[in-house]
Amino acid sequence: MEVLYPHCAGLDVHKDMVVACLRHVVDGTIKREVRTVKTTTKALLDLSQWLASEGCTHIVMEATGVYWKPVWHILEDGDFDLALANAAHVKTVPGRKTDVNDATWLADLLAHGLVRGSFVPNAQTQEMRGLLRTRKQLVRERTSHVQRLQKTLEDANIKLDSVISDVMGLSGRTMIEALIAGETDPNTLAALAHRRIRAPAEELCEALRGRVTKHHRFLLRLHLQQIDIFDAAIVAIDQEVDANVEPFRAAITILTTIPGVSDLSARTIVAEIGTDMSRLPHRWPSHLLGRSVSQERRERRQAAIQSHAQGRTLAQDHPHPMRLVRHP
């Protein structure tokens, strides 16, 4: 098999160490050197210097959790062509011997151009991705505390979520804070509702008539404090995203023209796939084209049926009956 990269390396990245296999092809002879280094910054800098001094031009590593990222960041400063291999793809490539370690196998695959590199965004996109993924996790955790708060109210037989759509809205929060403060009179609690609440006053009073104990107040206060912390963290992330969104402004503006895509959704899409579409295949996959492909298939199928029917008609009109065979 043709060798595309005669001077390359494969890295098997672990949490505390990196196994590096340097592969050279000199006059048709393969020479390999395997080293194991720690994942400290100094050790990785020494690894980069060693690979550069040996004339290594291309490096491949597997995407193992987050352990590959610091290795990538340090090697990215050198004059290397880096590739991030998908572990599932590497396992499906046939021909691997059982006595070959991962780093050597990666180097062999890279030398012959058999590694399909994964998408690694630039630094700005990675930072945006990190912020928005953190925001998503914070929203989930906030929702979890809201649900626990609702369970605590239910345990106290306070049916607030039955009469108010959002218990963390203006009216719901005011009532919960009053419950925490020790207020138990249903009429007083119902009077705190905003005038836009559609539920009748009598229904509100019955929903707020429960048995709230000291234990319930402690849990309600605790969950409310956690929700406030998450709200503040989400606001801080939104401010940080706003301060760094300018390089993606044009792409976000285009994406928001799609019906149903909000500004936050557009930012998340850009953070996940980047703005460089040249790396994507020019021919769209059929499952993304939807009805256009289905319509094309139906037209082709109909044309084939008509052609077959026309063939039978011609055979019947022939002066000497014969069988027409369709060749592939």
C-alpha atoms as a PDB file:
ATOM      1  CA  MET A   1       0.000   0.000   0.000  1.00  0.00           C
ATOM      2  CA  GLU A   2       1.220   3.486  -0.870  1.00  0.00           C
ATOM      3  CA  VAL A   3       2.807   5.471   1.922  1.00  0.00           C
ATOM      4  CA  LEU A   4       1.482   9.036   2.003  1.00  0.00           C
ATOM      5  CA  TYR A   5       3.301  10.270   5.073  1.00  0.00           C
ATOM      6  CA  PRO A   6       6.777   8.728   5.508  1.00  0.00           C
ATOM      7  CA  HIS A   7       7.501  10.667   8.714  1.00  0.00           C
ATOM      8  CA  CYS A   8       4.556  10.503  11.079  1.00  0.00           C
ATOM      9  CA  ALA A   9       3.607   9.545  14.626  1.00  0.00           C
ATOM     10  CA  GLY A  10       0.722   7.944  16.484  1.00  0.00           C
ATOM     11  CA  LEU A  11      -0.155   8.882  20.049  1.00  0.00           C
ATOM     12  CA  ASP A  12      -2.063   6.698  22.485  1.00  0.00           C
ATOM     13  CA  VAL A  13      -3.261   9.223  25.073  1.00  0.00           C
ATOM     14  CA  HIS A  14      -4.109   8.243  28.632  1.00  0.00           C
ATOM     15  CA  LYS A  15      -4.825  10.320  31.724  1.00  0.00           C
ATOM     16  CA  ASP A  16      -1.290  10.205  33.146  1.00  0.00           C
ATOM     17  CA  MET A  17       0.822   9.153  30.175  1.00  0.00           C
ATOM     18  CA  VAL A  18       1.135   9.262  26.398  1.00  0.00           C
ATOM     19  CA  VAL A  19       2.580   6.409  24.336  1.00  0.00           C
ATOM     20  CA  ALA A  20       4.136   7.881  21.182  1.00  0.00           C
ATOM     21  CA  CYS A  21       5.233   5.831  18.176  1.00  0.00           C
ATOM     22  CA  LEU A  22       7.449   7.695  15.689  1.00  0.00           C
ATOM     23  CA  ARG A  23       7.373   6.044  12.250  1.00  0.00           C
ATOM     24  CA  HIS A  24       9.953   6.665   9.515  1.00  0.00           C
ATOM     25  CA  VAL A  25      10.144   5.154   6.044  1.00  0.00           C
ATOM     26  CA  VAL A  26      13.705   5.349   4.703  1.00  0.00           C
ATOM     27  CA  ASP A  27      14.561   3.619   1.404  1.00  0.00           C
ATOM     28  CA  GLY A  28      11.552   1.359   1.765  1.00  0.00           C
ATOM     29  CA  THR A  29      12.476   0.332   5.310  1.00  0.00           C
ATOM     30  CA  ILE A  30      10.147   1.100   8.195  1.00  0.00           C
ATOM     31  CA  LYS A  31      11.802   2.313  11.377  1.00  0.00           C
ATOM     32  CA  ARG A  32       9.808   2.826  14.546  1.00  0.00           C
ATOM     33  CA  GLU A  33      10.638   4.309  17.910  1.00  0.00           C
ATOM     34  CA  VAL A  34       8.206   4.130  20.821  1.00  0.00           C
ATOM     35  CA  ARG A  35       8.408   6.357  23.861  1.00  0.00           C
ATOM     36  CA  THR A  36       6.201   6.781  26.910  1.00  0.00           C
ATOM     37  CA  VAL A  37       5.965  10.237  28.458  1.00  0.00           C
ATOM     38  CA  LYS A  38       3.933  11.801  31.226  1.00  0.00           C
ATOM     39  CA  THR A  39       1.109  14.216  30.521  1.00  0.00           C
ATOM     40  CA  THR A  40       2.640  17.112  32.442  1.00  0.00           C
ATOM     41  CA  THR A  41       3.188  20.299  30.465  1.00  0.00           C
ATOM     42  CA  LYS A  42       6.982  19.974  30.570  1.00  0.00           C
ATOM     43  CA  ALA A  43       6.862  16.359  29.365  1.00  0.00           C
ATOM     44  CA  LEU A  44       4.504  17.255  26.527  1.00  0.00           C
ATOM     45  CA  LEU A  45       6.740  20.143  25.466  1.00  0.00           C
ATOM     46  CA  ASP A  46       9.673  17.733  25.408  1.00  0.00           C
ATOM     47  CA  LEU A  47       7.588  15.330  23.324  1.00  0.00           C
ATOM     48  CA  SER A  48       6.807  18.084  20.823  1.00  0.00           C
ATOM     49  CA  GLN A  49      10.487  19.035  20.611  1.00  0.00           C
ATOM     50  CA  TRP A  50      11.514  15.396  20.059  1.00  0.00           C
ATOM     51  CA  LEU A  51       8.972  14.857  17.280  1.00  0.00           C
ATOM     52  CA  ALA A  52      10.039  18.097  15.582  1.00  0.00           C
ATOM     53  CA  SER A  53      13.736  17.200  15.774  1.00  0.00           C
ATOM     54  CA  GLU A  54      13.004  13.841  14.141  1.00  0.00           C
ATOM     55  CA  GLY A  55      11.312  15.504  11.181  1.00  0.00           C
ATOM     56  CA  CYS A  56       7.800  14.320  12.022  1.00  0.00           C
ATOM     57  CA  THR A  57       5.224  16.064   9.828  1.00  0.00           C
ATOM     58  CA  HIS A  58       1.893  14.385  10.729  1.00  0.00           C
ATOM     59  CA  ILE A  59       0.539  13.238  14.090  1.00  0.00           C
ATOM     60  CA  VAL A  60      -2.625  11.308  14.934  1.00  0.00           C
ATOM     61  CA  MET A  61      -4.187  10.648  18.321  1.00  0.00           C
ATOM     62  CA  GLU A  62      -7.407   9.016  19.489  1.00  0.00           C
ATOM     63  CA  ALA A  63     -10.254  11.013  20.975  1.00  0.00           C
ATOM     64  CA  THR A  64     -10.288   9.601  24.505  1.00  0.00           C
ATOM     65  CA  GLY A  65     -12.497  11.668  26.790  1.00  0.00           C
ATOM     66  CA  VAL A  66     -10.912  15.057  27.429  1.00  0.00           C
ATOM     67  CA  TYR A  67      -7.372  13.726  27.876  1.00  0.00           C
ATOM     68  CA  TRP A  68      -6.405  14.458  24.262  1.00  0.00           C
ATOM     69  CA  LYS A  69      -7.132  18.187  24.548  1.00  0.00           C
ATOM     70  CA  PRO A  70      -4.014  19.376  26.476  1.00  0.00           C
ATOM     71  CA  VAL A  71      -1.847  17.188  24.223  1.00  0.00           C
ATOM     72  CA  TRP A  72      -3.472  18.710  21.153  1.00  0.00           C
ATOM     73  CA  HIS A  73      -3.097  22.269  22.434  1.00  0.00           C
ATOM     74  CA  ILE A  74       0.639  21.883  23.009  1.00  0.00           C
ATOM     75  CA  LEU A  75       1.356  20.068  19.729  1.00  0.00           C
ATOM     76  CA  GLU A  76      -0.798  22.588  17.884  1.00  0.00           C
ATOM     77  CA  ASP A  77       1.877  25.222  18.533  1.00  0.00           C
ATOM     78  CA  GLY A  78       4.370  23.181  16.508  1.00  0.00           C
ATOM     79  CA  ASP A  79       4.639  22.693  12.738  1.00  0.00           C
ATOM     80  CA  PHE A  80       2.617  19.483  12.714  1.00  0.00           C
ATOM     81  CA  ASP A  81      -0.434  18.422  10.764  1.00  0.00           C
ATOM     82  CA  LEU A  82      -2.650  17.035  13.540  1.00  0.00           C
ATOM     83  CA  ALA A  83      -5.494  14.557  13.174  1.00  0.00           C
ATOM     84  CA  LEU A  84      -7.957  13.384  15.803  1.00  0.00           C
ATOM     85  CA  ALA A  85      -9.083   9.819  15.131  1.00  0.00           C
ATOM     86  CA  ASN A  86     -12.427   8.413  16.159  1.00  0.00           C
ATOM     87  CA  ALA A  87     -11.823   5.302  18.260  1.00  0.00           C
ATOM     88  CA  ALA A  88     -14.829   3.482  16.758  1.00  0.00           C
ATOM     89  CA  HIS A  89     -13.553   4.122  13.226  1.00  0.00           C
ATOM     90  CA  VAL A  90     -10.046   2.952  14.069  1.00  0.00           C
ATOM     91  CA  LYS A  91     -11.373  -0.343  15.437  1.00  0.00           C
ATOM     92  CA  THR A  92     -13.234  -1.107  12.210  1.00  0.00           C
ATOM     93  CA  VAL A  93     -10.156  -0.811   9.974  1.00  0.00           C
ATOM     94  CA  PRO A  94      -9.101  -4.406   9.151  1.00  0.00           C
ATOM     95  CA  GLY A  95      -5.568  -5.783   9.285  1.00  0.00           C
ATOM     96  CA  ARG A  96      -4.505  -5.066  12.833  1.00  0.00           C
ATOM     97  CA  LYS A  97      -2.274  -7.615  14.530  1.00  0.00           C
ATOM     98  CA  THR A  98      -2.902  -8.489  18.145  1.00  0.00           C
ATOM     99  CA  ASP A  99       0.700  -7.820  19.231  1.00  0.00           C
ATOM    100  CA  VAL A 100       0.718  -4.221  17.943  1.00  0.00           C
ATOM    101  CA  ASN A 101       0.049  -1.463  20.487  1.00  0.00           C
ATOM    102  CA  ASP A 102      -2.408   1.339  19.823  1.00  0.00           C
ATOM    103  CA  ALA A 103       0.209   3.993  19.088  1.00  0.00           C
ATOM    104  CA  THR A 104       1.947   1.839  16.471  1.00  0.00           C
ATOM    105  CA  TRP A 105      -1.358   0.941  14.832  1.00  0.00           C
ATOM    106  CA  LEU A 106      -2.378   4.608  14.671  1.00  0.00           C
ATOM    107  CA  ALA A 107       0.967   5.539  13.108  1.00  0.00           C
ATOM    108  CA  ASP A 108       0.591   2.795  10.487  1.00  0.00           C
ATOM    109  CA  LEU A 109      -2.923   3.909   9.600  1.00  0.00           C
ATOM    110  CA  LEU A 110      -1.854   7.540   9.329  1.00  0.00           C
ATOM    111  CA  ALA A 111       1.127   6.701   7.121  1.00  0.00           C
ATOM    112  CA  HIS A 112      -1.206   5.129   4.555  1.00  0.00           C
ATOM    113  CA  GLY A 113      -3.896   7.811   4.820  1.00  0.00           C
ATOM    114  CA  LEU A 114      -6.438   5.520   6.483  1.00  0.00           C
ATOM    115  CA  VAL A 115      -7.358   7.874   9.324  1.00  0.00           C
ATOM    116  CA  ARG A 116     -10.458  10.001   8.935  1.00  0.00           C
ATOM    117  CA  GLY A 117      -9.835  13.032  11.112  1.00  0.00           C
ATOM    118  CA  SER A 118     -12.592  14.307  13.373  1.00  0.00           C
ATOM    119  CA  PHE A 119     -13.644  17.933  13.508  1.00  0.00           C
ATOM    120  CA  VAL A 120     -11.603  19.958  15.989  1.00  0.00           C
ATOM    121  CA  PRO A 121     -12.822  23.569  16.198  1.00  0.00           C
ATOM    122  CA  ASN A 122     -10.528  26.534  16.609  1.00  0.00           C
ATOM    123  CA  ALA A 123      -9.884  28.097  20.000  1.00  0.00           C
ATOM    124  CA  GLN A 124     -12.718  30.651  19.780  1.00  0.00           C
ATOM    125  CA  THR A 125     -15.266  28.008  18.816  1.00  0.00           C
ATOM    126  CA  GLN A 126     -14.042  25.677  21.566  1.00  0.00           C
ATOM    127  CA  GLU A 127     -14.467  28.419  24.151  1.00  0.00           C
ATOM    128  CA  MET A 128     -17.968  29.196  22.896  1.00  0.00           C
ATOM    129  CA  ARG A 129     -18.807  25.486  22.948  1.00  0.00           C
ATOM    130  CA  GLY A 130     -17.528  25.144  26.509  1.00  0.00           C
ATOM    131  CA  LEU A 131     -19.625  28.064  27.700  1.00  0.00           C
ATOM    132  CA  LEU A 132     -22.848  26.915  26.064  1.00  0.00           C
ATOM    133  CA  ARG A 133     -22.424  23.293  27.146  1.00  0.00           C
ATOM    134  CA  THR A 134     -21.888  24.498  30.706  1.00  0.00           C
ATOM    135  CA  ARG A 135     -24.988  26.662  30.392  1.00  0.00           C
ATOM    136  CA  LYS A 136     -27.000  23.654  29.237  1.00  0.00           C
ATOM    137  CA  GLN A 137     -25.868  21.662  32.266  1.00  0.00           C
ATOM    138  CA  LEU A 138     -26.694  24.510  34.642  1.00  0.00           C
ATOM    139  CA  VAL A 139     -30.191  24.803  33.162  1.00  0.00           C
ATOM    140  CA  ARG A 140     -30.698  21.084  33.739  1.00  0.00           C
ATOM    141  CA  GLU A 141     -29.558  21.324  37.346  1.00  0.00           C
ATOM    142  CA  ARG A 142     -31.760  24.368  37.930  1.00  0.00           C
ATOM    143  CA  THR A 143     -34.737  22.457  36.538  1.00  0.00           C
ATOM    144  CA  SER A 144     -33.912  19.579  38.866  1.00  0.00           C
ATOM    145  CA  HIS A 145     -34.074  21.879  41.902  1.00  0.00           C
ATOM    146  CA  VAL A 146     -37.357  23.374  40.693  1.00  0.00           C
ATOM    147  CA  GLN A 147     -38.791  19.861  40.511  1.00  0.00           C
ATOM    148  CA  ARG A 148     -37.555  19.076  44.019  1.00  0.00           C
ATOM    149  CA  LEU A 149     -39.122  22.306  45.256  1.00  0.00           C
ATOM    150  CA  GLN A 150     -42.434  21.264  43.699  1.00  0.00           C
ATOM    151  CA  LYS A 151     -42.182  17.853  45.416  1.00  0.00           C
ATOM    152  CA  THR A 152     -41.618  19.592  48.726  1.00  0.00           C
ATOM    153  CA  LEU A 153     -44.737  21.705  48.185  1.00  0.00           C
ATOM    154  CA  GLU A 154     -46.673  18.587  47.245  1.00  0.00           C
ATOM    155  CA  ASP A 155     -45.467  16.874  50.418  1.00  0.00           C
ATOM    156  CA  ALA A 156     -46.892  19.825  52.371  1.00  0.00           C
ATOM    157  CA  ASN A 157     -50.136  19.481  50.353  1.00  0.00           C
ATOM    158  CA  ILE A 158     -49.619  22.870  48.698  1.00  0.00           C
ATOM    159  CA  LYS A 159     -51.112  22.479  45.190  1.00  0.00           C
ATOM    160  CA  LEU A 160     -49.528  25.599  43.774  1.00  0.00           C
ATOM    161  CA  ASP A 161     -48.507  24.049  40.442  1.00  0.00           C
ATOM    162  CA  SER A 162     -52.138  23.051  39.856  1.00  0.00           C
ATOM    163  CA  VAL A 163     -53.324  26.660  39.678  1.00  0.00           C
ATOM    164  CA  ILE A 164     -50.171  28.452  38.472  1.00  0.00           C
ATOM    165  CA  SER A 165     -48.332  27.390  35.335  1.00  0.00           C
ATOM    166  CA  ASP A 166     -44.916  28.566  36.571  1.00  0.00           C
ATOM    167  CA  VAL A 167     -44.274  28.187  40.280  1.00  0.00           C
ATOM    168  CA  MET A 168     -41.014  30.125  39.858  1.00  0.00           C
ATOM    169  CA  GLY A 169     -42.767  33.061  38.256  1.00  0.00           C
ATOM    170  CA  LEU A 170     -43.424  36.367  40.009  1.00  0.00           C
ATOM    171  CA  SER A 171     -46.547  35.240  41.883  1.00  0.00           C
ATOM    172  CA  GLY A 172     -45.340  31.734  42.662  1.00  0.00           C
ATOM    173  CA  ARG A 173     -42.026  32.889  44.042  1.00  0.00           C
ATOM    174  CA  THR A 174     -43.671  35.550  46.191  1.00  0.00           C
ATOM    175  CA  MET A 175     -45.979  32.959  47.718  1.00  0.00           C
ATOM    176  CA  ILE A 176     -43.140  30.487  48.321  1.00  0.00           C
ATOM    177  CA  GLU A 177     -41.060  33.163  50.039  1.00  0.00           C
ATOM    178  CA  ALA A 178     -44.062  33.975  52.243  1.00  0.00           C
ATOM    179  CA  LEU A 179     -44.396  30.297  53.131  1.00  0.00           C
ATOM    180  CA  ILE A 180     -40.710  30.190  54.057  1.00  0.00           C
ATOM    181  CA  ALA A 181     -41.194  33.285  56.212  1.00  0.00           C
ATOM    182  CA  GLY A 182     -43.874  31.468  58.187  1.00  0.00           C
ATOM    183  CA  GLU A 183     -47.105  32.670  56.596  1.00  0.00           C
ATOM    184  CA  THR A 184     -49.768  29.956  56.649  1.00  0.00           C
ATOM    185  CA  ASP A 185     -53.065  31.835  56.085  1.00  0.00           C
ATOM    186  CA  PRO A 186     -54.390  30.825  52.613  1.00  0.00           C
ATOM    187  CA  ASN A 187     -56.196  34.131  52.064  1.00  0.00           C
ATOM    188  CA  THR A 188     -53.070  36.152  52.803  1.00  0.00           C
ATOM    189  CA  LEU A 189     -51.012  33.934  50.489  1.00  0.00           C
ATOM    190  CA  ALA A 190     -53.620  34.126  47.706  1.00  0.00           C
ATOM    191  CA  ALA A 191     -53.647  37.934  47.948  1.00  0.00           C
ATOM    192  CA  LEU A 192     -49.991  37.904  46.847  1.00  0.00           C
ATOM    193  CA  ALA A 193     -50.946  36.624  43.387  1.00  0.00           C
ATOM    194  CA  HIS A 194     -50.465  38.973  40.466  1.00  0.00           C
ATOM    195  CA  ARG A 195     -53.615  40.340  38.887  1.00  0.00           C
ATOM    196  CA  ARG A 196     -52.856  38.418  35.680  1.00  0.00           C
ATOM    197  CA  ILE A 197     -53.291  35.072  37.431  1.00  0.00           C
ATOM    198  CA  ARG A 198     -56.435  33.580  35.907  1.00  0.00           C
ATOM    199  CA  ALA A 199     -57.213  31.157  38.724  1.00  0.00           C
ATOM    200  CA  PRO A 200     -60.150  32.268  40.911  1.00  0.00           C
ATOM    201  CA  ALA A 201     -59.331  33.487  44.410  1.00  0.00           C
ATOM    202  CA  GLU A 202     -61.269  30.615  46.000  1.00  0.00           C
ATOM    203  CA  GLU A 203     -59.287  28.047  44.008  1.00  0.00           C
ATOM    204  CA  LEU A 204     -56.028  29.732  44.969  1.00  0.00           C
ATOM    205  CA  CYS A 205     -56.976  29.666  48.629  1.00  0.00           C
ATOM    206  CA  GLU A 206     -57.753  25.954  48.527  1.00  0.00           C
ATOM    207  CA  ALA A 207     -54.513  25.212  46.691  1.00  0.00           C
ATOM    208  CA  LEU A 208     -52.537  27.119  49.332  1.00  0.00           C
ATOM    209  CA  ARG A 209     -54.216  25.420  52.296  1.00  0.00           C
ATOM    210  CA  GLY A 210     -51.742  22.814  53.489  1.00  0.00           C
ATOM    211  CA  ARG A 211     -49.555  21.644  56.345  1.00  0.00           C
ATOM    212  CA  VAL A 212     -46.183  23.383  56.027  1.00  0.00           C
ATOM    213  CA  THR A 213     -43.744  22.299  58.724  1.00  0.00           C
ATOM    214  CA  LYS A 214     -40.343  23.589  59.768  1.00  0.00           C
ATOM    215  CA  HIS A 215     -38.778  20.792  57.718  1.00  0.00           C
ATOM    216  CA  HIS A 216     -40.639  21.922  54.595  1.00  0.00           C
ATOM    217  CA  ARG A 217     -39.561  25.530  55.085  1.00  0.00           C
ATOM    218  CA  PHE A 218     -35.914  24.452  55.396  1.00  0.00           C
ATOM    219  CA  LEU A 219     -36.061  22.483  52.144  1.00  0.00           C
ATOM    220  CA  LEU A 220     -37.925  25.226  50.308  1.00  0.00           C
ATOM    221  CA  ARG A 221     -35.348  27.798  51.423  1.00  0.00           C
ATOM    222  CA  LEU A 222     -32.499  25.492  50.398  1.00  0.00           C
ATOM    223  CA  HIS A 223     -33.878  24.802  46.906  1.00  0.00           C
ATOM    224  CA  LEU A 224     -34.725  28.457  46.363  1.00  0.00           C
ATOM    225  CA  GLN A 225     -31.160  29.456  47.225  1.00  0.00           C
ATOM    226  CA  GLN A 226     -29.777  26.867  44.798  1.00  0.00           C
ATOM    227  CA  ILE A 227     -32.071  28.099  42.046  1.00  0.00           C
ATOM    228  CA  ASP A 228     -30.856  31.668  42.629  1.00  0.00           C
ATOM    229  CA  ILE A 229     -27.241  30.491  42.377  1.00  0.00           C
ATOM    230  CA  PHE A 230     -27.917  28.752  39.072  1.00  0.00           C
ATOM    231  CA  ASP A 231     -29.799  31.798  37.756  1.00  0.00           C
ATOM    232  CA  ALA A 232     -26.802  34.004  38.552  1.00  0.00           C
ATOM    233  CA  ALA A 233     -24.401  31.530  36.896  1.00  0.00           C
ATOM    234  CA  ILE A 234     -26.541  31.362  33.749  1.00  0.00           C
ATOM    235  CA  VAL A 235     -26.650  35.163  33.548  1.00  0.00           C
ATOM    236  CA  ALA A 236     -22.850  35.308  33.915  1.00  0.00           C
ATOM    237  CA  ILE A 237     -22.409  32.788  31.088  1.00  0.00           C
ATOM    238  CA  ASP A 238     -24.799  34.730  28.862  1.00  0.00           C
ATOM    239  CA  GLN A 239     -22.783  37.880  29.466  1.00  0.00           C
ATOM    240  CA  GLU A 240     -19.526  36.072  28.632  1.00  0.00           C
ATOM    241  CA  VAL A 241     -21.051  34.661  25.440  1.00  0.00           C
ATOM    242  CA  ASP A 242     -22.291  38.125  24.437  1.00  0.00           C
ATOM    243  CA  ALA A 243     -18.795  39.514  24.922  1.00  0.00           C
ATOM    244  CA  ASN A 244     -17.244  36.911  22.609  1.00  0.00           C
ATOM    245  CA  VAL A 245     -19.956  36.333  20.020  1.00  0.00           C
ATOM    246  CA  GLU A 246     -18.778  38.897  17.446  1.00  0.00           C
ATOM    247  CA  PRO A 247     -16.747  36.453  15.250  1.00  0.00           C
ATOM    248  CA  PHE A 248     -19.897  34.339  14.871  1.00  0.00           C
ATOM    249  CA  ARG A 249     -22.375  37.200  14.428  1.00  0.00           C
ATOM    250  CA  ALA A 250     -22.890  36.756  10.665  1.00  0.00           C
ATOM    251  CA  ALA A 251     -23.513  32.993  10.935  1.00  0.00           C
ATOM    252  CA  ILE A 252     -25.895  33.461  13.866  1.00  0.00           C
ATOM    253  CA  THR A 253     -27.863  36.086  11.949  1.00  0.00           C
ATOM    254  CA  ILE A 254     -28.283  33.702   9.014  1.00  0.00           C
ATOM    255  CA  LEU A 255     -29.324  30.790  11.241  1.00  0.00           C
ATOM    256  CA  THR A 256     -31.980  32.841  13.050  1.00  0.00           C
ATOM    257  CA  THR A 257     -33.767  33.355   9.719  1.00  0.00           C
ATOM    258  CA  ILE A 258     -34.733  29.666   9.889  1.00  0.00           C
ATOM    259  CA  PRO A 259     -38.215  29.303  11.423  1.00  0.00           C
ATOM    260  CA  GLY A 260     -37.989  27.949  14.965  1.00  0.00           C
ATOM    261  CA  VAL A 261     -34.283  28.721  15.452  1.00  0.00           C
ATOM    262  CA  SER A 262     -33.835  31.193  18.304  1.00  0.00           C
ATOM    263  CA  ASP A 263     -30.739  33.262  18.994  1.00  0.00           C
ATOM    264  CA  LEU A 264     -29.624  30.804  21.683  1.00  0.00           C
ATOM    265  CA  SER A 265     -30.192  27.832  19.364  1.00  0.00           C
ATOM    266  CA  ALA A 266     -28.191  29.534  16.613  1.00  0.00           C
ATOM    267  CA  ARG A 267     -25.303  30.173  19.001  1.00  0.00           C
ATOM    268  CA  THR A 268     -25.356  26.544  20.102  1.00  0.00           C
ATOM    269  CA  ILE A 269     -25.321  25.299  16.497  1.00  0.00           C
ATOM    270  CA  VAL A 270     -22.363  27.509  15.624  1.00  0.00           C
ATOM    271  CA  ALA A 271     -20.501  26.409  18.750  1.00  0.00           C
ATOM    272  CA  GLU A 272     -21.000  22.739  17.869  1.00  0.00           C
ATOM    273  CA  ILE A 273     -20.267  22.708  14.107  1.00  0.00           C
ATOM    274  CA  GLY A 274     -18.277  25.914  13.596  1.00  0.00           C
ATOM    275  CA  THR A 275     -18.633  28.279  10.654  1.00  0.00           C
ATOM    276  CA  ASP A 276     -16.374  26.572   8.095  1.00  0.00           C
ATOM    277  CA  MET A 277     -18.685  24.479   5.916  1.00  0.00           C
ATOM    278  CA  SER A 278     -15.984  23.599   3.370  1.00  0.00           C
ATOM    279  CA  ARG A 279     -15.062  20.524   5.430  1.00  0.00           C
ATOM    280  CA  LEU A 280     -18.534  19.052   4.886  1.00  0.00           C
ATOM    281  CA  PRO A 281     -19.281  16.919   1.791  1.00  0.00           C
ATOM    282  CA  HIS A 282     -20.670  18.860  -1.150  1.00  0.00           C
ATOM    283  CA  ARG A 283     -23.318  16.220  -1.813  1.00  0.00           C
ATOM    284  CA  TRP A 284     -25.950  16.217   0.900  1.00  0.00           C
ATOM    285  CA  PRO A 285     -26.885  12.853   2.436  1.00  0.00           C
ATOM    286  CA  SER A 286     -30.231  11.588   1.180  1.00  0.00           C
ATOM    287  CA  HIS A 287     -31.804  11.510   4.666  1.00  0.00           C
ATOM    288  CA  LEU A 288     -31.230  15.274   4.936  1.00  0.00           C
ATOM    289  CA  LEU A 289     -32.876  16.076   1.611  1.00  0.00           C
ATOM    290  CA  GLY A 290     -36.233  14.733   2.689  1.00  0.00           C
ATOM    291  CA  ARG A 291     -39.017  14.902   0.161  1.00  0.00           C
ATOM    292  CA  SER A 292     -36.865  15.969  -2.789  1.00  0.00           C
ATOM    293  CA  VAL A 293     -35.045  12.635  -2.806  1.00  0.00           C
ATOM    294  CA  SER A 294     -38.267  10.716  -2.257  1.00  0.00           C
ATOM    295  CA  GLN A 295     -39.840  12.556  -5.174  1.00  0.00           C
ATOM    296  CA  GLU A 296     -36.825  11.809  -7.354  1.00  0.00           C
ATOM    297  CA  ARG A 297     -37.028   8.113  -6.471  1.00  0.00           C
ATOM    298  CA  ARG A 298     -40.748   8.014  -7.243  1.00  0.00           C
ATOM    299  CA  GLU A 299     -40.149   9.605 -10.644  1.00  0.00           C
ATOM    300  CA  ARG A 300     -37.401   7.111 -11.459  1.00  0.00           C
ATOM    301  CA  ARG A 301     -39.550   4.194 -10.346  1.00  0.00           C
ATOM    302  CA  GLN A 302     -42.471   5.451 -12.456  1.00  0.00           C
ATOM    303  CA  ALA A 303     -40.193   5.846 -15.487  1.00  0.00           C
ATOM    304  CA  ALA A 304     -38.956   2.269 -15.062  1.00  0.00           C
ATOM    305  CA  ILE A 305     -42.528   0.947 -14.855  1.00  0.00           C
ATOM    306  CA  GLN A 306     -43.520   2.830 -18.004  1.00  0.00           C
ATOM    307  CA  SER A 307     -40.458   1.555 -19.842  1.00  0.00           C
ATOM    308  CA  HIS A 308     -41.236  -2.010 -18.832  1.00  0.00           C
ATOM    309  CA  ALA A 309     -44.860  -1.635 -19.918  1.00  0.00           C
ATOM    310  CA  GLN A 310     -43.753  -0.155 -23.241  1.00  0.00           C
ATOM    311  CA  GLY A 311     -41.464  -3.150 -23.769  1.00  0.00           C
ATOM    312  CA  ARG A 312     -44.386  -5.545 -23.311  1.00  0.00           C
ATOM    313  CA  THR A 313     -46.463  -3.563 -25.797  1.00  0.00           C
ATOM    314  CA  LEU A 314     -43.712  -3.702 -28.417  1.00  0.00           C
ATOM    315  CA  ALA A 315     -43.388  -7.449 -27.927  1.00  0.00           C
ATOM    316  CA  GLN A 316     -47.123  -7.978 -28.466  1.00  0.00           C
ATOM    317  CA  ASP A 317     -47.049  -5.878 -31.670  1.00  0.00           C
ATOM    318  CA  HIS A 318     -44.118  -7.789 -33.169  1.00  0.00           C
ATOM    319  CA  PRO A 319     -45.131  -9.947 -36.195  1.00  0.00           C
ATOM    320  CA  HIS A 320     -43.243 -12.885 -34.731  1.00  0.00           C
ATOM    321  CA  PRO A 321     -43.897 -13.297 -30.999  1.00  0.00           C
ATOM    322  CA  MET A 322     -40.718 -13.037 -28.994  1.00  0.00           C
ATOM    323  CA  ARG A 323     -39.644 -12.499 -25.400  1.00  0.00           C
ATOM    324  CA  LEU A 324     -37.886  -9.235 -24.627  1.00  0.00           C
ATOM    325  CA  VAL A 325     -35.325  -9.503 -21.853  1.00  0.00           C
ATOM    326  CA  ARG A 326     -34.208  -6.445 -19.896  1.00  0.00           C
ATOM    327  CA  HIS A 327     -30.448  -6.420 -19.520  1.00  0.00           C
ATOM    328  CA  PRO A 328     -28.999  -4.746 -16.467  1.00  0.00           C
END
